[in-house]
Amino acid sequence: MNLLQTLEAEQMATLRAKALPDFRPGDTLKVAVKVVDVTFDEKTKQNKTRERLQAFEGVCIARQGAGLNEAFTVRKISYGEGVERVFPIYSPLVDSVTVVRKGKARRAKLYYLRGRTGKSARITERVDAVSDDAA
């Protein structure tokens, strides 16, 4: 490993305290994002900042990059309009990622979902079968 890779590995270890779960494109994710609200108070003449967590739930349609530059794209339908958001994995604004359901996808980039709505945009659930019973 060269010097650049070792520095990148150290940065990744310090930035991500909690490990993210293993997820793939096709999985439905719930991403908790830190949102900072800044308001100006007229009485005290100061800015007030408030932090809150906002959930963004949708289907992971892509993972791209490697190392510190790794990111994933989540797509959801909000009021009939498709909304996509790209989250860097090592961003301090991403608080947590939970896998709601695992999807079965045969490709790495699910961009074809952009043109689909309703039943044709569904992804079947992946069942990780462990064959213990040999009858």
N, C-alpha and C. Protein backbone atom coordinates (compact mmCIF):
# COMPACT_ATOMS: atom_id res chain seq x y z
N MET A 1 0.85 -1.17 0.00
CA MET A 1 0.00 0.00 0.00
C MET A 1 0.90 1.24 0.00
N ASN A 2 0.59 2.16 -0.87
CA ASN A 2 1.41 3.37 -0.91
C ASN A 2 0.93 4.39 0.13
N LEU A 3 1.60 5.50 0.20
CA LEU A 3 1.33 6.50 1.23
C LEU A 3 -0.08 7.08 1.11
N LEU A 4 -0.52 7.30 -0.12
CA LEU A 4 -1.85 7.87 -0.33
C LEU A 4 -2.95 6.93 0.17
N GLN A 5 -2.79 5.66 -0.07
CA GLN A 5 -3.79 4.69 0.38
C GLN A 5 -3.80 4.57 1.90
N THR A 6 -2.65 4.66 2.54
CA THR A 6 -2.62 4.57 4.00
C THR A 6 -3.26 5.80 4.64
N LEU A 7 -3.00 6.97 4.07
CA LEU A 7 -3.64 8.19 4.59
C LEU A 7 -5.15 8.13 4.40
N GLU A 8 -5.58 7.61 3.26
CA GLU A 8 -7.01 7.50 2.98
C GLU A 8 -7.66 6.51 3.95
N ALA A 9 -6.99 5.42 4.25
CA ALA A 9 -7.53 4.43 5.18
C ALA A 9 -7.65 5.01 6.59
N GLU A 10 -6.68 5.83 7.01
CA GLU A 10 -6.76 6.47 8.31
C GLU A 10 -7.93 7.45 8.37
N GLN A 11 -8.12 8.21 7.31
CA GLN A 11 -9.23 9.16 7.27
C GLN A 11 -10.57 8.44 7.31
N MET A 12 -10.69 7.33 6.60
CA MET A 12 -11.94 6.57 6.59
C MET A 12 -12.24 6.02 7.98
N ALA A 13 -11.21 5.61 8.70
CA ALA A 13 -11.42 5.07 10.05
C ALA A 13 -11.87 6.16 11.01
N THR A 14 -11.34 7.37 10.86
CA THR A 14 -11.73 8.45 11.78
C THR A 14 -13.09 9.03 11.43
N LEU A 15 -13.45 9.06 10.15
CA LEU A 15 -14.72 9.67 9.75
C LEU A 15 -15.92 8.79 10.07
N ARG A 16 -15.79 7.51 9.87
CA ARG A 16 -16.94 6.62 10.06
C ARG A 16 -16.78 5.87 11.37
N ALA A 17 -17.40 6.36 12.43
CA ALA A 17 -17.33 5.70 13.73
C ALA A 17 -18.22 4.46 13.72
N LYS A 18 -19.45 4.63 13.19
CA LYS A 18 -20.37 3.50 13.11
C LYS A 18 -20.23 2.86 11.73
N ALA A 19 -20.16 1.56 11.69
CA ALA A 19 -20.04 0.86 10.42
C ALA A 19 -21.40 0.82 9.73
N LEU A 20 -21.39 1.02 8.42
CA LEU A 20 -22.62 0.94 7.65
C LEU A 20 -22.93 -0.52 7.35
N PRO A 21 -24.21 -0.86 7.22
CA PRO A 21 -24.54 -2.24 6.86
C PRO A 21 -24.17 -2.52 5.40
N ASP A 22 -24.04 -3.79 5.08
CA ASP A 22 -23.78 -4.17 3.69
C ASP A 22 -25.08 -4.02 2.90
N PHE A 23 -25.03 -3.22 1.85
CA PHE A 23 -26.20 -3.07 0.99
C PHE A 23 -25.74 -3.02 -0.45
N ARG A 24 -26.66 -3.36 -1.35
CA ARG A 24 -26.38 -3.41 -2.77
C ARG A 24 -27.46 -2.62 -3.50
N PRO A 25 -27.23 -2.32 -4.78
CA PRO A 25 -28.30 -1.69 -5.56
C PRO A 25 -29.51 -2.62 -5.60
N GLY A 26 -30.67 -2.04 -5.44
CA GLY A 26 -31.91 -2.80 -5.38
C GLY A 26 -32.47 -2.87 -3.97
N ASP A 27 -31.64 -2.62 -2.97
CA ASP A 27 -32.10 -2.64 -1.58
C ASP A 27 -32.84 -1.35 -1.26
N THR A 28 -33.86 -1.47 -0.43
CA THR A 28 -34.57 -0.29 0.06
C THR A 28 -33.89 0.17 1.34
N LEU A 29 -33.48 1.43 1.35
CA LEU A 29 -32.70 1.97 2.45
C LEU A 29 -33.45 3.10 3.14
N LYS A 30 -33.15 3.25 4.42
CA LYS A 30 -33.62 4.42 5.17
C LYS A 30 -32.38 5.15 5.65
N VAL A 31 -32.13 6.33 5.08
CA VAL A 31 -30.93 7.09 5.39
C VAL A 31 -31.33 8.24 6.32
N ALA A 32 -30.72 8.31 7.49
CA ALA A 32 -30.97 9.40 8.42
C ALA A 32 -29.93 10.49 8.14
N VAL A 33 -30.41 11.66 7.71
CA VAL A 33 -29.54 12.76 7.30
C VAL A 33 -29.65 13.88 8.32
N LYS A 34 -28.50 14.44 8.70
CA LYS A 34 -28.50 15.58 9.61
C LYS A 34 -28.84 16.83 8.81
N VAL A 35 -29.85 17.56 9.26
CA VAL A 35 -30.27 18.81 8.63
C VAL A 35 -30.03 19.93 9.63
N VAL A 36 -29.33 20.96 9.20
CA VAL A 36 -29.01 22.09 10.07
C VAL A 36 -29.90 23.26 9.66
N ASP A 37 -30.73 23.71 10.61
CA ASP A 37 -31.59 24.86 10.37
C ASP A 37 -30.95 26.08 11.03
N VAL A 38 -30.74 27.13 10.26
CA VAL A 38 -30.15 28.36 10.79
C VAL A 38 -31.20 29.45 10.70
N THR A 39 -31.53 30.05 11.84
CA THR A 39 -32.49 31.15 11.89
C THR A 39 -31.84 32.34 12.59
N PHE A 40 -32.30 33.51 12.20
CA PHE A 40 -31.77 34.74 12.79
C PHE A 40 -32.77 35.26 13.81
N ASP A 41 -32.31 35.44 15.04
CA ASP A 41 -33.15 35.94 16.12
C ASP A 41 -33.01 37.46 16.17
N GLU A 42 -34.13 38.16 16.01
CA GLU A 42 -34.10 39.63 15.99
C GLU A 42 -33.81 40.24 17.36
N LYS A 43 -34.27 39.55 18.43
CA LYS A 43 -34.06 40.10 19.77
C LYS A 43 -32.59 40.11 20.14
N THR A 44 -31.94 38.97 19.98
CA THR A 44 -30.55 38.86 20.40
C THR A 44 -29.57 39.20 19.29
N LYS A 45 -30.07 39.37 18.07
CA LYS A 45 -29.25 39.68 16.90
C LYS A 45 -28.18 38.61 16.66
N GLN A 46 -28.58 37.34 16.86
CA GLN A 46 -27.66 36.23 16.65
C GLN A 46 -28.31 35.15 15.80
N ASN A 47 -27.47 34.37 15.17
CA ASN A 47 -27.97 33.21 14.43
C ASN A 47 -28.14 32.04 15.37
N LYS A 48 -29.26 31.35 15.25
CA LYS A 48 -29.51 30.16 16.03
C LYS A 48 -29.46 28.96 15.10
N THR A 49 -28.74 27.95 15.50
CA THR A 49 -28.65 26.73 14.69
C THR A 49 -29.31 25.59 15.44
N ARG A 50 -30.07 24.81 14.68
CA ARG A 50 -30.75 23.64 15.23
C ARG A 50 -30.42 22.46 14.33
N GLU A 51 -30.08 21.35 14.91
CA GLU A 51 -29.81 20.13 14.15
C GLU A 51 -30.93 19.15 14.39
N ARG A 52 -31.33 18.49 13.31
CA ARG A 52 -32.33 17.44 13.43
C ARG A 52 -32.01 16.35 12.43
N LEU A 53 -32.59 15.19 12.63
CA LEU A 53 -32.40 14.08 11.71
C LEU A 53 -33.64 13.94 10.84
N GLN A 54 -33.42 13.79 9.54
CA GLN A 54 -34.51 13.62 8.60
C GLN A 54 -34.28 12.32 7.84
N ALA A 55 -35.31 11.50 7.76
CA ALA A 55 -35.20 10.20 7.09
C ALA A 55 -35.47 10.36 5.60
N PHE A 56 -34.67 9.69 4.79
CA PHE A 56 -34.86 9.65 3.34
C PHE A 56 -34.91 8.17 2.99
N GLU A 57 -36.10 7.68 2.65
CA GLU A 57 -36.28 6.26 2.38
C GLU A 57 -36.57 6.04 0.92
N GLY A 58 -35.78 5.15 0.31
CA GLY A 58 -35.98 4.85 -1.10
C GLY A 58 -35.11 3.68 -1.53
N VAL A 59 -35.09 3.43 -2.82
CA VAL A 59 -34.35 2.31 -3.39
C VAL A 59 -32.95 2.78 -3.77
N CYS A 60 -31.95 2.01 -3.40
CA CYS A 60 -30.58 2.30 -3.80
C CYS A 60 -30.45 1.88 -5.26
N ILE A 61 -30.15 2.85 -6.15
CA ILE A 61 -30.07 2.52 -7.56
C ILE A 61 -28.63 2.45 -8.06
N ALA A 62 -27.65 2.90 -7.26
CA ALA A 62 -26.26 2.86 -7.72
C ALA A 62 -25.32 3.03 -6.55
N ARG A 63 -24.15 2.41 -6.68
CA ARG A 63 -23.01 2.68 -5.82
C ARG A 63 -21.84 2.98 -6.73
N GLN A 64 -21.12 4.04 -6.45
CA GLN A 64 -20.01 4.42 -7.31
C GLN A 64 -18.85 4.90 -6.48
N GLY A 65 -17.66 4.82 -7.07
CA GLY A 65 -16.46 5.29 -6.40
C GLY A 65 -15.85 4.23 -5.52
N ALA A 66 -14.72 4.58 -4.92
CA ALA A 66 -14.03 3.67 -4.02
C ALA A 66 -13.29 4.51 -2.98
N GLY A 67 -13.06 3.93 -1.83
CA GLY A 67 -12.32 4.62 -0.78
C GLY A 67 -13.12 5.78 -0.19
N LEU A 68 -12.45 6.90 -0.02
CA LEU A 68 -13.11 8.09 0.55
C LEU A 68 -14.16 8.67 -0.38
N ASN A 69 -14.00 8.42 -1.68
CA ASN A 69 -14.92 9.00 -2.67
C ASN A 69 -16.13 8.14 -2.95
N GLU A 70 -16.37 7.10 -2.17
CA GLU A 70 -17.49 6.21 -2.44
C GLU A 70 -18.81 6.89 -2.08
N ALA A 71 -19.80 6.68 -2.95
CA ALA A 71 -21.11 7.28 -2.74
C ALA A 71 -22.19 6.31 -3.22
N PHE A 72 -23.42 6.56 -2.80
CA PHE A 72 -24.55 5.76 -3.27
C PHE A 72 -25.72 6.68 -3.56
N THR A 73 -26.55 6.26 -4.53
CA THR A 73 -27.68 7.06 -4.97
C THR A 73 -28.97 6.38 -4.51
N VAL A 74 -29.86 7.15 -3.90
CA VAL A 74 -31.14 6.64 -3.42
C VAL A 74 -32.25 7.38 -4.16
N ARG A 75 -33.24 6.63 -4.64
CA ARG A 75 -34.36 7.20 -5.39
C ARG A 75 -35.67 6.88 -4.69
N LYS A 76 -36.51 7.88 -4.58
CA LYS A 76 -37.85 7.66 -4.02
C LYS A 76 -38.85 8.46 -4.83
N ILE A 77 -40.11 8.11 -4.70
CA ILE A 77 -41.20 8.84 -5.35
C ILE A 77 -41.89 9.67 -4.28
N SER A 78 -41.88 10.98 -4.44
CA SER A 78 -42.49 11.89 -3.48
C SER A 78 -43.56 12.71 -4.18
N TYR A 79 -44.80 12.50 -3.80
CA TYR A 79 -45.95 13.19 -4.38
C TYR A 79 -45.98 13.04 -5.90
N GLY A 80 -45.70 11.82 -6.37
CA GLY A 80 -45.77 11.53 -7.79
C GLY A 80 -44.56 11.97 -8.59
N GLU A 81 -43.58 12.54 -7.94
CA GLU A 81 -42.38 13.03 -8.62
C GLU A 81 -41.19 12.24 -8.11
N GLY A 82 -40.33 11.81 -9.01
CA GLY A 82 -39.14 11.05 -8.62
C GLY A 82 -38.08 11.97 -8.05
N VAL A 83 -37.51 11.58 -6.92
CA VAL A 83 -36.47 12.36 -6.26
C VAL A 83 -35.26 11.45 -6.05
N GLU A 84 -34.09 11.88 -6.53
CA GLU A 84 -32.87 11.14 -6.32
C GLU A 84 -31.89 11.97 -5.51
N ARG A 85 -31.15 11.28 -4.66
CA ARG A 85 -30.19 11.98 -3.84
C ARG A 85 -28.93 11.14 -3.73
N VAL A 86 -27.79 11.77 -3.88
CA VAL A 86 -26.50 11.07 -3.81
C VAL A 86 -25.89 11.35 -2.44
N PHE A 87 -25.56 10.29 -1.73
CA PHE A 87 -24.97 10.40 -0.40
C PHE A 87 -23.55 9.87 -0.42
N PRO A 88 -22.57 10.69 -0.04
CA PRO A 88 -21.22 10.15 0.16
C PRO A 88 -21.23 9.26 1.41
N ILE A 89 -20.58 8.12 1.33
CA ILE A 89 -20.60 7.18 2.45
C ILE A 89 -19.91 7.76 3.69
N TYR A 90 -18.83 8.50 3.47
CA TYR A 90 -18.06 9.03 4.60
C TYR A 90 -18.41 10.48 4.91
N SER A 91 -19.63 10.89 4.61
CA SER A 91 -20.06 12.25 4.90
C SER A 91 -20.47 12.36 6.37
N PRO A 92 -20.13 13.46 7.03
CA PRO A 92 -20.58 13.64 8.41
C PRO A 92 -22.09 13.93 8.49
N LEU A 93 -22.70 14.26 7.38
CA LEU A 93 -24.14 14.53 7.38
C LEU A 93 -24.98 13.26 7.36
N VAL A 94 -24.41 12.14 6.95
CA VAL A 94 -25.12 10.87 6.96
C VAL A 94 -24.96 10.26 8.34
N ASP A 95 -26.06 10.23 9.10
CA ASP A 95 -25.99 9.73 10.46
C ASP A 95 -26.03 8.21 10.50
N SER A 96 -27.01 7.62 9.82
CA SER A 96 -27.11 6.17 9.82
C SER A 96 -27.83 5.71 8.55
N VAL A 97 -27.58 4.46 8.20
CA VAL A 97 -28.24 3.82 7.07
C VAL A 97 -28.77 2.48 7.55
N THR A 98 -30.06 2.24 7.34
CA THR A 98 -30.64 0.95 7.69
C THR A 98 -31.26 0.34 6.44
N VAL A 99 -31.12 -0.97 6.32
CA VAL A 99 -31.69 -1.69 5.19
C VAL A 99 -33.10 -2.12 5.58
N VAL A 100 -34.10 -1.61 4.85
CA VAL A 100 -35.49 -1.93 5.13
C VAL A 100 -35.83 -3.27 4.51
N ARG A 101 -35.50 -3.45 3.23
CA ARG A 101 -35.69 -4.74 2.57
C ARG A 101 -34.64 -4.93 1.50
N LYS A 102 -34.28 -6.18 1.28
CA LYS A 102 -33.25 -6.49 0.30
C LYS A 102 -33.91 -6.79 -1.04
N GLY A 103 -33.39 -6.18 -2.08
CA GLY A 103 -33.96 -6.35 -3.41
C GLY A 103 -33.08 -7.22 -4.28
N LYS A 104 -33.72 -7.89 -5.22
CA LYS A 104 -33.01 -8.77 -6.15
C LYS A 104 -32.82 -8.02 -7.46
N ALA A 105 -31.58 -7.63 -7.75
CA ALA A 105 -31.28 -6.89 -8.97
C ALA A 105 -30.18 -7.63 -9.72
N ARG A 106 -30.28 -7.64 -11.04
CA ARG A 106 -29.30 -8.37 -11.84
C ARG A 106 -28.26 -7.46 -12.46
N ARG A 107 -28.26 -6.19 -12.07
CA ARG A 107 -27.27 -5.26 -12.59
C ARG A 107 -26.86 -4.28 -11.50
N ALA A 108 -25.77 -3.58 -11.74
CA ALA A 108 -25.21 -2.71 -10.71
C ALA A 108 -25.83 -1.33 -10.71
N LYS A 109 -26.30 -0.86 -11.86
CA LYS A 109 -26.90 0.47 -11.96
C LYS A 109 -28.35 0.30 -12.41
N LEU A 110 -29.27 0.76 -11.60
CA LEU A 110 -30.70 0.57 -11.87
C LEU A 110 -31.32 1.86 -12.42
N TYR A 111 -30.65 2.46 -13.39
CA TYR A 111 -31.14 3.72 -13.95
C TYR A 111 -32.43 3.54 -14.74
N TYR A 112 -32.75 2.32 -15.12
CA TYR A 112 -33.98 2.08 -15.86
C TYR A 112 -35.22 2.34 -15.02
N LEU A 113 -35.06 2.43 -13.70
CA LEU A 113 -36.21 2.72 -12.83
C LEU A 113 -36.69 4.16 -12.99
N ARG A 114 -35.84 5.03 -13.57
CA ARG A 114 -36.24 6.43 -13.74
C ARG A 114 -37.42 6.56 -14.69
N GLY A 115 -37.51 5.70 -15.65
CA GLY A 115 -38.60 5.79 -16.63
C GLY A 115 -39.82 4.98 -16.27
N ARG A 116 -39.82 4.36 -15.10
CA ARG A 116 -40.92 3.49 -14.72
C ARG A 116 -41.63 3.98 -13.47
N THR A 117 -42.92 3.72 -13.41
CA THR A 117 -43.71 4.03 -12.22
C THR A 117 -44.64 2.86 -11.94
N GLY A 118 -45.14 2.79 -10.75
CA GLY A 118 -46.12 1.77 -10.40
C GLY A 118 -45.54 0.38 -10.29
N LYS A 119 -46.29 -0.60 -10.82
CA LYS A 119 -45.90 -2.00 -10.66
C LYS A 119 -44.63 -2.33 -11.42
N SER A 120 -44.38 -1.68 -12.54
CA SER A 120 -43.19 -2.02 -13.33
C SER A 120 -41.91 -1.52 -12.67
N ALA A 121 -42.03 -0.66 -11.68
CA ALA A 121 -40.85 -0.14 -10.98
C ALA A 121 -40.53 -0.96 -9.73
N ARG A 122 -41.29 -2.01 -9.49
CA ARG A 122 -41.04 -2.83 -8.29
C ARG A 122 -39.85 -3.74 -8.49
N ILE A 123 -39.17 -4.01 -7.41
CA ILE A 123 -38.04 -4.94 -7.40
C ILE A 123 -38.40 -6.07 -6.45
N THR A 124 -38.24 -7.31 -6.90
CA THR A 124 -38.60 -8.45 -6.06
C THR A 124 -37.63 -8.57 -4.88
N GLU A 125 -38.11 -9.17 -3.82
CA GLU A 125 -37.29 -9.28 -2.61
C GLU A 125 -36.30 -10.43 -2.72
N ARG A 126 -35.09 -10.18 -2.26
CA ARG A 126 -34.04 -11.19 -2.30
C ARG A 126 -34.12 -12.04 -1.04
N VAL A 127 -34.14 -13.35 -1.23
CA VAL A 127 -34.16 -14.29 -0.12
C VAL A 127 -32.84 -15.01 -0.11
N ASP A 128 -32.02 -14.77 0.91
CA ASP A 128 -30.75 -15.45 1.04
C ASP A 128 -30.99 -16.80 1.70
N ALA A 129 -31.17 -17.81 0.86
CA ALA A 129 -31.50 -19.13 1.37
C ALA A 129 -30.25 -19.87 1.83
N VAL A 130 -30.33 -20.40 3.04
CA VAL A 130 -29.26 -21.23 3.57
C VAL A 130 -29.78 -22.65 3.57
N SER A 131 -29.16 -23.51 2.79
CA SER A 131 -29.67 -24.88 2.64
C SER A 131 -29.09 -25.77 3.74
N ASP A 132 -29.77 -25.82 4.89
CA ASP A 132 -29.38 -26.69 5.99
C ASP A 132 -30.01 -28.07 5.84
N ASP A 133 -31.23 -28.08 5.30
CA ASP A 133 -32.00 -29.31 5.20
C ASP A 133 -31.70 -29.99 3.87
N ALA A 134 -31.07 -31.12 3.92
CA ALA A 134 -30.84 -31.94 2.72
C ALA A 134 -31.70 -33.18 2.86
N ALA A 135 -32.90 -33.12 2.29
CA ALA A 135 -33.87 -34.21 2.48
C ALA A 135 -33.63 -35.39 1.62
